Amino acid sequence: MKCEAKDLLLYAVTDRAWLHGGRLIDQVERALEGGATFVQLREKALARGEVLREAREIGALCRRYGVPFVLDDDVELALECGADGVHVGQDDMEAGCARQRLGTGILGVSAQTVEQALRAQERGADYLGVGAVFPTATKPDASAVSLDTLRAICAAVSIPVVAIGGIARDNLARLSGTGIAGVAVVSALFAAQDVRSAARELKALAREAVGA
């Protein structure tokens, strides 16, 4: 599966912090039912075997919904589980190496500057994740990216850009006019009492922000 700009409108990044005894796959399905257009599995604490099992289950679910599914950071695990691709940060596998290992799979790369964005594009990224555009408790150590920098990155590259970091219902409209293809959300989606309804609302707001 290739990645198109429309697939990035509502990009769901998983976080098991809000499962409250439930199953992550159920939360993901609720997000998909509500309209999530892309799913990234992000697991920092589970053993590799557990992540592999979970990735295969969620990957199969995403295929049923026709939604791209990528893993965070781990190219080898993405290949092993049959994911559509991987998303790497600046401190993970270098984008060119990830592209070479991944082949034609989807490659997302995090960027905080125009220089990083152009380098990622040159080395084979299909899309960029840019942030943190707002303060975020999910990644408190994430570097801040101003809206001016976000606009500059969107203007500099020809691949789609997803804004990430602290995005919620009350600030999403501030991203209007930046040139983004979509928004990546974590707590705004998975911490909601009704994940399905939260996805619907966030998707509508995202559509307004990107002018879709």
N, C-alpha and C. Protein backbone atom coordinates (compact mmCIF):
# COMPACT_ATOMS: atom_id res chain seq x y z
N MET A 1 0.84 -1.20 0.00
CA MET A 1 0.00 0.00 0.00
C MET A 1 0.88 1.25 0.00
N LYS A 2 0.59 2.14 -0.94
CA LYS A 2 1.32 3.41 -0.97
C LYS A 2 0.57 4.46 -0.15
N CYS A 3 1.27 5.51 0.16
CA CYS A 3 0.72 6.56 1.02
C CYS A 3 0.37 7.77 0.17
N GLU A 4 -0.89 8.20 0.26
CA GLU A 4 -1.33 9.41 -0.42
C GLU A 4 -1.67 10.46 0.63
N ALA A 5 -1.67 11.72 0.21
CA ALA A 5 -1.93 12.81 1.15
C ALA A 5 -3.26 12.63 1.88
N LYS A 6 -4.27 12.14 1.18
CA LYS A 6 -5.60 11.98 1.79
C LYS A 6 -5.58 10.94 2.92
N ASP A 7 -4.64 10.01 2.86
CA ASP A 7 -4.55 8.98 3.90
C ASP A 7 -4.08 9.54 5.23
N LEU A 8 -3.52 10.73 5.23
CA LEU A 8 -2.89 11.31 6.41
C LEU A 8 -3.79 12.27 7.17
N LEU A 9 -5.02 12.42 6.74
CA LEU A 9 -5.92 13.42 7.33
C LEU A 9 -6.05 13.27 8.84
N LEU A 10 -6.37 12.06 9.30
CA LEU A 10 -6.46 11.80 10.74
C LEU A 10 -5.59 10.59 11.05
N TYR A 11 -4.38 10.88 11.51
CA TYR A 11 -3.32 9.90 11.71
C TYR A 11 -3.33 9.54 13.20
N ALA A 12 -3.72 8.31 13.50
CA ALA A 12 -3.84 7.85 14.88
C ALA A 12 -2.56 7.17 15.35
N VAL A 13 -1.99 7.67 16.43
CA VAL A 13 -0.78 7.08 17.04
C VAL A 13 -1.18 6.42 18.35
N THR A 14 -0.96 5.13 18.46
CA THR A 14 -1.45 4.39 19.62
C THR A 14 -0.67 4.73 20.89
N ASP A 15 -1.36 4.56 22.00
CA ASP A 15 -0.75 4.71 23.32
C ASP A 15 -1.60 3.91 24.30
N ARG A 16 -0.97 2.94 24.95
CA ARG A 16 -1.74 2.06 25.84
C ARG A 16 -1.95 2.67 27.23
N ALA A 17 -1.56 3.91 27.42
CA ALA A 17 -1.71 4.56 28.73
C ALA A 17 -3.17 4.68 29.15
N TRP A 18 -4.09 4.66 28.18
CA TRP A 18 -5.50 4.90 28.51
C TRP A 18 -6.37 3.68 28.26
N LEU A 19 -5.78 2.50 28.30
CA LEU A 19 -6.57 1.29 28.04
C LEU A 19 -7.50 0.94 29.20
N HIS A 20 -7.09 1.21 30.42
CA HIS A 20 -7.90 0.94 31.61
C HIS A 20 -8.41 -0.51 31.61
N GLY A 21 -7.50 -1.42 31.32
CA GLY A 21 -7.85 -2.84 31.35
C GLY A 21 -8.43 -3.36 30.05
N GLY A 22 -8.69 -2.50 29.09
CA GLY A 22 -9.22 -2.92 27.81
C GLY A 22 -8.12 -3.37 26.87
N ARG A 23 -8.48 -3.63 25.62
CA ARG A 23 -7.52 -4.09 24.62
C ARG A 23 -7.22 -2.98 23.62
N LEU A 24 -5.95 -2.87 23.25
CA LEU A 24 -5.56 -1.83 22.31
C LEU A 24 -6.26 -2.01 20.97
N ILE A 25 -6.39 -3.23 20.52
CA ILE A 25 -7.01 -3.46 19.22
C ILE A 25 -8.45 -2.97 19.19
N ASP A 26 -9.14 -3.05 20.31
CA ASP A 26 -10.52 -2.54 20.37
C ASP A 26 -10.54 -1.02 20.27
N GLN A 27 -9.58 -0.37 20.93
CA GLN A 27 -9.48 1.08 20.84
C GLN A 27 -9.17 1.51 19.40
N VAL A 28 -8.27 0.78 18.77
CA VAL A 28 -7.92 1.11 17.39
C VAL A 28 -9.13 0.93 16.48
N GLU A 29 -9.89 -0.13 16.69
CA GLU A 29 -11.06 -0.33 15.83
C GLU A 29 -12.08 0.80 16.03
N ARG A 30 -12.25 1.25 17.26
CA ARG A 30 -13.17 2.38 17.49
C ARG A 30 -12.68 3.63 16.74
N ALA A 31 -11.37 3.84 16.75
CA ALA A 31 -10.82 4.98 16.03
C ALA A 31 -11.08 4.84 14.53
N LEU A 32 -10.92 3.64 14.00
CA LEU A 32 -11.17 3.39 12.58
C LEU A 32 -12.65 3.57 12.25
N GLU A 33 -13.50 3.10 13.12
CA GLU A 33 -14.93 3.28 12.91
C GLU A 33 -15.31 4.76 12.87
N GLY A 34 -14.59 5.56 13.67
CA GLY A 34 -14.86 6.99 13.71
C GLY A 34 -14.24 7.77 12.56
N GLY A 35 -13.38 7.10 11.80
CA GLY A 35 -12.83 7.75 10.61
C GLY A 35 -11.33 7.96 10.56
N ALA A 36 -10.56 7.36 11.48
CA ALA A 36 -9.10 7.46 11.39
C ALA A 36 -8.64 6.95 10.03
N THR A 37 -7.71 7.66 9.41
CA THR A 37 -7.28 7.34 8.05
C THR A 37 -5.90 6.70 7.98
N PHE A 38 -5.22 6.59 9.11
CA PHE A 38 -3.85 6.07 9.15
C PHE A 38 -3.60 5.64 10.59
N VAL A 39 -2.87 4.56 10.79
CA VAL A 39 -2.57 4.08 12.15
C VAL A 39 -1.09 3.79 12.28
N GLN A 40 -0.51 4.34 13.35
CA GLN A 40 0.88 4.00 13.72
C GLN A 40 0.85 3.30 15.07
N LEU A 41 1.47 2.13 15.13
CA LEU A 41 1.61 1.41 16.40
C LEU A 41 2.90 1.87 17.05
N ARG A 42 2.76 2.48 18.23
CA ARG A 42 3.93 2.95 18.97
C ARG A 42 3.96 2.24 20.31
N GLU A 43 4.95 1.39 20.48
CA GLU A 43 5.12 0.62 21.72
C GLU A 43 6.55 0.78 22.19
N LYS A 44 6.72 1.35 23.37
CA LYS A 44 8.07 1.58 23.89
C LYS A 44 8.46 0.60 25.00
N ALA A 45 7.47 -0.08 25.58
CA ALA A 45 7.77 -0.87 26.77
C ALA A 45 7.55 -2.37 26.60
N LEU A 46 6.77 -2.80 25.62
CA LEU A 46 6.47 -4.22 25.47
C LEU A 46 7.67 -4.99 24.93
N ALA A 47 7.72 -6.28 25.26
CA ALA A 47 8.74 -7.16 24.70
C ALA A 47 8.50 -7.31 23.20
N ARG A 48 9.56 -7.63 22.47
CA ARG A 48 9.46 -7.67 21.01
C ARG A 48 8.41 -8.67 20.53
N GLY A 49 8.35 -9.82 21.18
CA GLY A 49 7.37 -10.82 20.77
C GLY A 49 5.94 -10.34 20.94
N GLU A 50 5.71 -9.60 22.01
CA GLU A 50 4.36 -9.06 22.25
C GLU A 50 4.00 -8.01 21.21
N VAL A 51 4.98 -7.17 20.87
CA VAL A 51 4.73 -6.14 19.86
C VAL A 51 4.45 -6.79 18.51
N LEU A 52 5.18 -7.85 18.20
CA LEU A 52 4.98 -8.56 16.94
C LEU A 52 3.57 -9.13 16.85
N ARG A 53 3.12 -9.75 17.91
CA ARG A 53 1.76 -10.32 17.92
C ARG A 53 0.72 -9.21 17.77
N GLU A 54 0.90 -8.15 18.52
CA GLU A 54 -0.03 -7.03 18.48
C GLU A 54 -0.04 -6.38 17.09
N ALA A 55 1.15 -6.24 16.52
CA ALA A 55 1.27 -5.60 15.20
C ALA A 55 0.56 -6.41 14.14
N ARG A 56 0.66 -7.71 14.21
CA ARG A 56 -0.01 -8.55 13.22
C ARG A 56 -1.52 -8.42 13.33
N GLU A 57 -2.03 -8.37 14.56
CA GLU A 57 -3.47 -8.25 14.77
C GLU A 57 -3.99 -6.89 14.29
N ILE A 58 -3.29 -5.83 14.68
CA ILE A 58 -3.74 -4.49 14.29
C ILE A 58 -3.54 -4.27 12.80
N GLY A 59 -2.48 -4.83 12.24
CA GLY A 59 -2.27 -4.73 10.81
C GLY A 59 -3.40 -5.38 10.02
N ALA A 60 -3.84 -6.54 10.47
CA ALA A 60 -4.96 -7.22 9.80
C ALA A 60 -6.23 -6.38 9.90
N LEU A 61 -6.44 -5.75 11.07
CA LEU A 61 -7.61 -4.89 11.26
C LEU A 61 -7.56 -3.70 10.30
N CYS A 62 -6.41 -3.07 10.19
CA CYS A 62 -6.28 -1.92 9.30
C CYS A 62 -6.50 -2.31 7.85
N ARG A 63 -6.05 -3.50 7.46
CA ARG A 63 -6.29 -3.94 6.09
C ARG A 63 -7.77 -4.09 5.81
N ARG A 64 -8.53 -4.55 6.81
CA ARG A 64 -9.98 -4.67 6.63
C ARG A 64 -10.62 -3.32 6.37
N TYR A 65 -10.07 -2.29 6.97
CA TYR A 65 -10.61 -0.94 6.81
C TYR A 65 -9.95 -0.18 5.65
N GLY A 66 -8.96 -0.78 5.03
CA GLY A 66 -8.27 -0.13 3.93
C GLY A 66 -7.44 1.06 4.34
N VAL A 67 -6.88 0.99 5.55
CA VAL A 67 -6.14 2.10 6.13
C VAL A 67 -4.67 1.72 6.28
N PRO A 68 -3.72 2.58 5.87
CA PRO A 68 -2.30 2.25 6.03
C PRO A 68 -1.93 2.05 7.50
N PHE A 69 -1.00 1.11 7.71
CA PHE A 69 -0.56 0.76 9.06
C PHE A 69 0.96 0.72 9.08
N VAL A 70 1.56 1.52 9.99
CA VAL A 70 3.01 1.53 10.12
C VAL A 70 3.41 1.33 11.58
N LEU A 71 4.66 0.91 11.75
CA LEU A 71 5.24 0.78 13.09
C LEU A 71 6.15 1.96 13.36
N ASP A 72 6.30 2.29 14.61
CA ASP A 72 7.21 3.33 15.04
C ASP A 72 8.62 2.75 15.20
N ASP A 73 9.59 3.38 14.57
CA ASP A 73 11.02 3.12 14.78
C ASP A 73 11.60 1.85 14.17
N ASP A 74 10.94 0.71 14.30
CA ASP A 74 11.57 -0.59 14.07
C ASP A 74 11.31 -1.13 12.66
N VAL A 75 12.28 -0.93 11.77
CA VAL A 75 12.12 -1.36 10.38
C VAL A 75 12.05 -2.88 10.29
N GLU A 76 12.91 -3.56 11.03
CA GLU A 76 12.94 -5.02 10.95
C GLU A 76 11.62 -5.63 11.42
N LEU A 77 11.08 -5.08 12.49
CA LEU A 77 9.81 -5.59 13.01
C LEU A 77 8.67 -5.29 12.04
N ALA A 78 8.73 -4.13 11.40
CA ALA A 78 7.71 -3.79 10.41
C ALA A 78 7.72 -4.78 9.26
N LEU A 79 8.90 -5.16 8.82
CA LEU A 79 9.01 -6.14 7.75
C LEU A 79 8.51 -7.51 8.21
N GLU A 80 8.84 -7.88 9.42
CA GLU A 80 8.47 -9.20 9.94
C GLU A 80 6.96 -9.35 10.11
N CYS A 81 6.30 -8.30 10.53
CA CYS A 81 4.86 -8.40 10.80
C CYS A 81 4.01 -8.09 9.58
N GLY A 82 4.64 -7.66 8.49
CA GLY A 82 3.88 -7.36 7.28
C GLY A 82 3.20 -6.01 7.30
N ALA A 83 3.70 -5.07 8.11
CA ALA A 83 3.14 -3.72 8.13
C ALA A 83 3.35 -3.03 6.79
N ASP A 84 2.59 -1.98 6.55
CA ASP A 84 2.74 -1.23 5.30
C ASP A 84 4.01 -0.39 5.29
N GLY A 85 4.57 -0.15 6.47
CA GLY A 85 5.78 0.64 6.52
C GLY A 85 6.20 0.97 7.93
N VAL A 86 7.00 2.02 8.05
CA VAL A 86 7.59 2.40 9.33
C VAL A 86 7.73 3.91 9.40
N HIS A 87 7.72 4.43 10.63
CA HIS A 87 8.00 5.84 10.85
C HIS A 87 9.24 5.94 11.72
N VAL A 88 10.23 6.71 11.27
CA VAL A 88 11.48 6.83 12.02
C VAL A 88 11.71 8.28 12.43
N GLY A 89 12.31 8.45 13.59
CA GLY A 89 12.68 9.76 14.08
C GLY A 89 14.11 10.10 13.70
N GLN A 90 14.53 11.29 14.06
CA GLN A 90 15.89 11.72 13.74
C GLN A 90 16.94 10.90 14.47
N ASP A 91 16.58 10.30 15.59
CA ASP A 91 17.53 9.51 16.36
C ASP A 91 17.40 8.02 16.10
N ASP A 92 16.53 7.64 15.17
CA ASP A 92 16.36 6.23 14.82
C ASP A 92 17.19 5.92 13.58
N MET A 93 16.83 4.87 12.86
CA MET A 93 17.56 4.53 11.64
C MET A 93 17.50 5.69 10.64
N GLU A 94 18.63 6.02 10.05
CA GLU A 94 18.70 7.11 9.07
C GLU A 94 17.75 6.81 7.91
N ALA A 95 17.12 7.86 7.39
CA ALA A 95 16.05 7.69 6.40
C ALA A 95 16.50 6.91 5.17
N GLY A 96 17.68 7.20 4.66
CA GLY A 96 18.17 6.49 3.48
C GLY A 96 18.37 5.01 3.75
N CYS A 97 18.89 4.69 4.93
CA CYS A 97 19.07 3.28 5.30
C CYS A 97 17.71 2.60 5.47
N ALA A 98 16.78 3.32 6.08
CA ALA A 98 15.44 2.76 6.27
C ALA A 98 14.78 2.49 4.92
N ARG A 99 14.92 3.43 3.97
CA ARG A 99 14.35 3.23 2.64
C ARG A 99 14.97 2.03 1.95
N GLN A 100 16.27 1.90 2.05
CA GLN A 100 16.95 0.77 1.42
C GLN A 100 16.48 -0.56 1.99
N ARG A 101 16.31 -0.61 3.30
CA ARG A 101 15.89 -1.86 3.96
C ARG A 101 14.41 -2.12 3.72
N LEU A 102 13.62 -1.08 3.66
CA LEU A 102 12.17 -1.21 3.57
C LEU A 102 11.69 -1.52 2.16
N GLY A 103 12.46 -1.13 1.18
CA GLY A 103 12.01 -1.30 -0.20
C GLY A 103 10.93 -0.29 -0.54
N THR A 104 9.82 -0.78 -1.07
CA THR A 104 8.76 0.13 -1.53
C THR A 104 7.73 0.47 -0.45
N GLY A 105 7.93 -0.01 0.77
CA GLY A 105 6.98 0.27 1.85
C GLY A 105 6.92 1.74 2.20
N ILE A 106 5.90 2.11 2.96
CA ILE A 106 5.71 3.50 3.37
C ILE A 106 6.80 3.90 4.37
N LEU A 107 7.42 5.03 4.12
CA LEU A 107 8.44 5.55 5.04
C LEU A 107 8.04 6.95 5.48
N GLY A 108 7.78 7.10 6.78
CA GLY A 108 7.55 8.40 7.37
C GLY A 108 8.76 8.80 8.19
N VAL A 109 9.08 10.07 8.19
CA VAL A 109 10.26 10.56 8.91
C VAL A 109 9.87 11.81 9.70
N SER A 110 10.32 11.87 10.95
CA SER A 110 10.10 13.05 11.77
C SER A 110 11.08 14.14 11.38
N ALA A 111 10.61 15.38 11.37
CA ALA A 111 11.48 16.51 11.04
C ALA A 111 11.07 17.72 11.88
N GLN A 112 12.06 18.52 12.25
CA GLN A 112 11.80 19.73 13.03
C GLN A 112 12.31 20.99 12.32
N THR A 113 13.06 20.81 11.23
CA THR A 113 13.61 21.95 10.50
C THR A 113 13.43 21.72 9.00
N VAL A 114 13.55 22.79 8.24
CA VAL A 114 13.47 22.68 6.78
C VAL A 114 14.59 21.79 6.27
N GLU A 115 15.78 21.93 6.86
CA GLU A 115 16.92 21.12 6.42
C GLU A 115 16.66 19.64 6.63
N GLN A 116 16.15 19.28 7.80
CA GLN A 116 15.83 17.88 8.06
C GLN A 116 14.75 17.37 7.10
N ALA A 117 13.77 18.22 6.83
CA ALA A 117 12.67 17.84 5.95
C ALA A 117 13.17 17.57 4.54
N LEU A 118 14.00 18.46 4.02
CA LEU A 118 14.52 18.29 2.66
C LEU A 118 15.42 17.06 2.57
N ARG A 119 16.21 16.82 3.60
CA ARG A 119 17.08 15.64 3.60
C ARG A 119 16.26 14.36 3.62
N ALA A 120 15.20 14.34 4.44
CA ALA A 120 14.33 13.15 4.50
C ALA A 120 13.66 12.90 3.16
N GLN A 121 13.19 13.96 2.54
CA GLN A 121 12.55 13.82 1.23
C GLN A 121 13.54 13.26 0.20
N GLU A 122 14.74 13.82 0.21
CA GLU A 122 15.78 13.39 -0.74
C GLU A 122 16.13 11.92 -0.55
N ARG A 123 16.03 11.44 0.69
CA ARG A 123 16.45 10.06 0.98
C ARG A 123 15.30 9.07 0.99
N GLY A 124 14.14 9.50 0.50
CA GLY A 124 13.10 8.52 0.22
C GLY A 124 11.87 8.54 1.10
N ALA A 125 11.72 9.56 1.94
CA ALA A 125 10.51 9.62 2.79
C ALA A 125 9.27 9.82 1.93
N ASP A 126 8.19 9.16 2.32
CA ASP A 126 6.89 9.33 1.66
C ASP A 126 6.10 10.47 2.29
N TYR A 127 6.33 10.71 3.57
CA TYR A 127 5.66 11.80 4.27
C TYR A 127 6.52 12.21 5.45
N LEU A 128 6.22 13.38 6.00
CA LEU A 128 6.94 13.88 7.17
C LEU A 128 5.99 14.06 8.34
N GLY A 129 6.47 13.78 9.54
CA GLY A 129 5.77 14.12 10.76
C GLY A 129 6.51 15.29 11.40
N VAL A 130 5.84 16.42 11.55
CA VAL A 130 6.51 17.63 12.02
C VAL A 130 5.91 18.08 13.35
N GLY A 131 6.75 18.27 14.34
CA GLY A 131 6.29 18.69 15.65
C GLY A 131 7.42 18.60 16.66
N ALA A 132 7.11 18.96 17.90
CA ALA A 132 5.78 19.15 18.45
C ALA A 132 5.28 20.57 18.18
N VAL A 133 4.09 20.65 17.55
CA VAL A 133 3.55 21.97 17.22
C VAL A 133 2.90 22.66 18.41
N PHE A 134 2.49 21.86 19.41
CA PHE A 134 1.97 22.39 20.67
C PHE A 134 2.60 21.58 21.80
N PRO A 135 2.63 22.10 23.02
CA PRO A 135 3.16 21.33 24.15
C PRO A 135 2.41 20.01 24.31
N THR A 136 3.15 18.95 24.62
CA THR A 136 2.52 17.63 24.72
C THR A 136 3.05 16.85 25.90
N ALA A 137 2.14 16.23 26.63
CA ALA A 137 2.53 15.37 27.75
C ALA A 137 2.96 14.00 27.26
N THR A 138 2.58 13.63 26.05
CA THR A 138 2.94 12.32 25.51
C THR A 138 4.44 12.22 25.29
N LYS A 139 5.04 13.33 24.79
CA LYS A 139 6.49 13.38 24.59
C LYS A 139 7.00 14.69 25.16
N PRO A 140 7.14 14.78 26.48
CA PRO A 140 7.51 16.05 27.11
C PRO A 140 8.88 16.57 26.68
N ASP A 141 9.75 15.69 26.16
CA ASP A 141 11.08 16.11 25.74
C ASP A 141 11.14 16.49 24.27
N ALA A 142 9.99 16.47 23.59
CA ALA A 142 9.97 16.79 22.16
C ALA A 142 10.28 18.26 21.93
N SER A 143 11.09 18.53 20.91
CA SER A 143 11.43 19.91 20.58
C SER A 143 10.23 20.62 19.99
N ALA A 144 10.05 21.88 20.36
CA ALA A 144 8.93 22.66 19.85
C ALA A 144 9.22 23.11 18.42
N VAL A 145 8.19 23.09 17.59
CA VAL A 145 8.27 23.57 16.22
C VAL A 145 7.21 24.66 16.07
N SER A 146 7.62 25.87 15.71
CA SER A 146 6.67 26.97 15.57
C SER A 146 5.80 26.76 14.34
N LEU A 147 4.65 27.43 14.33
CA LEU A 147 3.77 27.34 13.16
C LEU A 147 4.44 27.95 11.94
N ASP A 148 5.29 28.93 12.13
CA ASP A 148 6.04 29.51 11.01
C ASP A 148 6.97 28.47 10.40
N THR A 149 7.64 27.70 11.25
CA THR A 149 8.52 26.64 10.76
C THR A 149 7.72 25.55 10.07
N LEU A 150 6.57 25.21 10.63
CA LEU A 150 5.70 24.23 10.00
C LEU A 150 5.31 24.69 8.59
N ARG A 151 4.93 25.95 8.45
CA ARG A 151 4.58 26.50 7.13
C ARG A 151 5.77 26.42 6.18
N ALA A 152 6.95 26.77 6.70
CA ALA A 152 8.14 26.76 5.86
C ALA A 152 8.47 25.35 5.38
N ILE A 153 8.31 24.37 6.24
CA ILE A 153 8.56 22.98 5.85
C ILE A 153 7.57 22.53 4.78
N CYS A 154 6.29 22.84 5.00
CA CYS A 154 5.27 22.45 4.02
C CYS A 154 5.54 23.09 2.66
N ALA A 155 6.02 24.32 2.67
CA ALA A 155 6.30 25.02 1.42
C ALA A 155 7.56 24.48 0.73
N ALA A 156 8.48 23.94 1.52
CA ALA A 156 9.78 23.52 0.97
C ALA A 156 9.76 22.14 0.34
N VAL A 157 8.84 21.28 0.77
CA VAL A 157 8.86 19.88 0.29
C VAL A 157 7.66 19.61 -0.60
N SER A 158 7.79 18.54 -1.38
CA SER A 158 6.69 18.13 -2.26
C SER A 158 5.94 16.93 -1.73
N ILE A 159 6.40 16.35 -0.62
CA ILE A 159 5.70 15.23 0.00
C ILE A 159 4.79 15.76 1.11
N PRO A 160 3.73 15.01 1.46
CA PRO A 160 2.79 15.51 2.46
C PRO A 160 3.39 15.59 3.86
N VAL A 161 2.86 16.52 4.63
CA VAL A 161 3.32 16.78 6.00
C VAL A 161 2.17 16.58 6.97
N VAL A 162 2.46 15.87 8.06
CA VAL A 162 1.51 15.69 9.14
C VAL A 162 2.01 16.45 10.36
N ALA A 163 1.17 17.28 10.94
CA ALA A 163 1.53 17.97 12.18
C ALA A 163 1.26 17.04 13.35
N ILE A 164 2.14 17.07 14.34
CA ILE A 164 1.99 16.23 15.53
C ILE A 164 2.43 17.00 16.76
N GLY A 165 1.88 16.61 17.91
CA GLY A 165 2.33 17.17 19.17
C GLY A 165 1.30 18.06 19.82
N GLY A 166 0.60 17.53 20.81
CA GLY A 166 -0.33 18.33 21.60
C GLY A 166 -1.58 18.78 20.87
N ILE A 167 -1.87 18.16 19.73
CA ILE A 167 -3.03 18.58 18.94
C ILE A 167 -4.32 18.06 19.57
N ALA A 168 -5.29 18.95 19.73
CA ALA A 168 -6.56 18.61 20.36
C ALA A 168 -7.68 19.42 19.70
N ARG A 169 -8.89 19.15 20.13
CA ARG A 169 -10.04 19.84 19.53
C ARG A 169 -9.93 21.36 19.63
N ASP A 170 -9.40 21.85 20.76
CA ASP A 170 -9.42 23.29 21.00
C ASP A 170 -8.28 24.06 20.32
N ASN A 171 -7.32 23.36 19.73
CA ASN A 171 -6.23 24.10 19.07
C ASN A 171 -6.02 23.68 17.61
N LEU A 172 -6.73 22.67 17.16
CA LEU A 172 -6.50 22.14 15.82
C LEU A 172 -6.71 23.21 14.74
N ALA A 173 -7.69 24.10 14.93
CA ALA A 173 -7.98 25.13 13.94
C ALA A 173 -6.80 26.08 13.73
N ARG A 174 -5.91 26.18 14.70
CA ARG A 174 -4.74 27.06 14.56
C ARG A 174 -3.79 26.58 13.47
N LEU A 175 -3.97 25.33 13.04
CA LEU A 175 -3.10 24.78 11.99
C LEU A 175 -3.60 25.11 10.59
N SER A 176 -4.75 25.76 10.49
CA SER A 176 -5.30 26.13 9.18
C SER A 176 -4.32 27.03 8.43
N GLY A 177 -4.18 26.76 7.15
CA GLY A 177 -3.32 27.59 6.32
C GLY A 177 -1.85 27.27 6.38
N THR A 178 -1.45 26.25 7.12
CA THR A 178 -0.03 25.91 7.22
C THR A 178 0.44 25.04 6.05
N GLY A 179 -0.50 24.39 5.37
CA GLY A 179 -0.13 23.52 4.26
C GLY A 179 -0.06 22.06 4.61
N ILE A 180 -0.45 21.69 5.82
CA ILE A 180 -0.40 20.29 6.23
C ILE A 180 -1.42 19.44 5.47
N ALA A 181 -1.13 18.13 5.41
CA ALA A 181 -2.07 17.17 4.82
C ALA A 181 -2.98 16.57 5.88
N GLY A 182 -2.54 16.65 7.14
CA GLY A 182 -3.34 16.07 8.21
C GLY A 182 -2.71 16.27 9.57
N VAL A 183 -3.33 15.66 10.57
CA VAL A 183 -2.85 15.78 11.94
C VAL A 183 -2.67 14.40 12.55
N ALA A 184 -1.62 14.26 13.33
CA ALA A 184 -1.39 13.04 14.09
C ALA A 184 -1.81 13.28 15.53
N VAL A 185 -2.64 12.41 16.06
CA VAL A 185 -3.17 12.61 17.41
C VAL A 185 -2.94 11.36 18.25
N VAL A 186 -2.75 11.59 19.53
CA VAL A 186 -2.54 10.49 20.49
C VAL A 186 -3.61 10.61 21.57
N SER A 187 -3.36 11.45 22.57
CA SER A 187 -4.29 11.54 23.69
C SER A 187 -5.64 12.13 23.30
N ALA A 188 -5.66 13.05 22.33
CA ALA A 188 -6.93 13.63 21.90
C ALA A 188 -7.89 12.57 21.41
N LEU A 189 -7.33 11.46 20.96
CA LEU A 189 -8.14 10.36 20.47
C LEU A 189 -8.27 9.25 21.50
N PHE A 190 -7.14 8.70 21.93
CA PHE A 190 -7.18 7.49 22.76
C PHE A 190 -7.46 7.74 24.23
N ALA A 191 -7.34 8.99 24.68
CA ALA A 191 -7.72 9.29 26.07
C ALA A 191 -9.19 9.67 26.18
N ALA A 192 -9.87 9.80 25.04
CA ALA A 192 -11.28 10.18 25.06
C ALA A 192 -12.15 9.06 25.62
N GLN A 193 -13.21 9.41 26.30
CA GLN A 193 -14.13 8.41 26.82
C GLN A 193 -14.81 7.66 25.68
N ASP A 194 -15.09 8.36 24.60
CA ASP A 194 -15.71 7.76 23.42
C ASP A 194 -14.75 7.98 22.25
N VAL A 195 -13.92 6.98 21.99
CA VAL A 195 -12.89 7.11 20.95
C VAL A 195 -13.52 7.29 19.58
N ARG A 196 -14.59 6.59 19.33
CA ARG A 196 -15.27 6.66 18.03
C ARG A 196 -15.76 8.09 17.75
N SER A 197 -16.42 8.69 18.73
CA SER A 197 -16.93 10.05 18.56
C SER A 197 -15.79 11.06 18.46
N ALA A 198 -14.75 10.84 19.24
CA ALA A 198 -13.59 11.74 19.19
C ALA A 198 -12.96 11.72 17.80
N ALA A 199 -12.88 10.53 17.20
CA ALA A 199 -12.31 10.42 15.86
C ALA A 199 -13.16 11.18 14.84
N ARG A 200 -14.47 11.05 14.95
CA ARG A 200 -15.35 11.76 14.02
C ARG A 200 -15.15 13.27 14.12
N GLU A 201 -15.10 13.77 15.35
CA GLU A 201 -14.96 15.21 15.56
C GLU A 201 -13.61 15.71 15.09
N LEU A 202 -12.56 14.98 15.43
CA LEU A 202 -11.22 15.39 15.04
C LEU A 202 -11.04 15.34 13.52
N LYS A 203 -11.65 14.36 12.88
CA LYS A 203 -11.54 14.27 11.42
C LYS A 203 -12.22 15.46 10.75
N ALA A 204 -13.39 15.84 11.27
CA ALA A 204 -14.09 17.00 10.72
C ALA A 204 -13.26 18.27 10.90
N LEU A 205 -12.65 18.43 12.06
CA LEU A 205 -11.82 19.60 12.32
C LEU A 205 -10.58 19.58 11.44
N ALA A 206 -10.00 18.41 11.26
CA ALA A 206 -8.81 18.28 10.42
C ALA A 206 -9.14 18.63 8.97
N ARG A 207 -10.30 18.18 8.51
CA ARG A 207 -10.71 18.48 7.14
C ARG A 207 -10.82 20.00 6.93
N GLU A 208 -11.36 20.69 7.91
CA GLU A 208 -11.45 22.15 7.81
C GLU A 208 -10.05 22.78 7.81
N ALA A 209 -9.17 22.25 8.66
CA ALA A 209 -7.83 22.84 8.78
C ALA A 209 -7.00 22.68 7.52
N VAL A 210 -7.16 21.55 6.83
CA VAL A 210 -6.37 21.32 5.63
C VAL A 210 -7.07 21.83 4.37
N GLY A 211 -8.31 22.23 4.54
CA GLY A 211 -9.07 22.74 3.40
C GLY A 211 -9.54 21.66 2.46
N ALA A 212 -9.74 20.45 3.01
CA ALA A 212 -10.18 19.32 2.17
C ALA A 212 -11.68 19.33 1.97
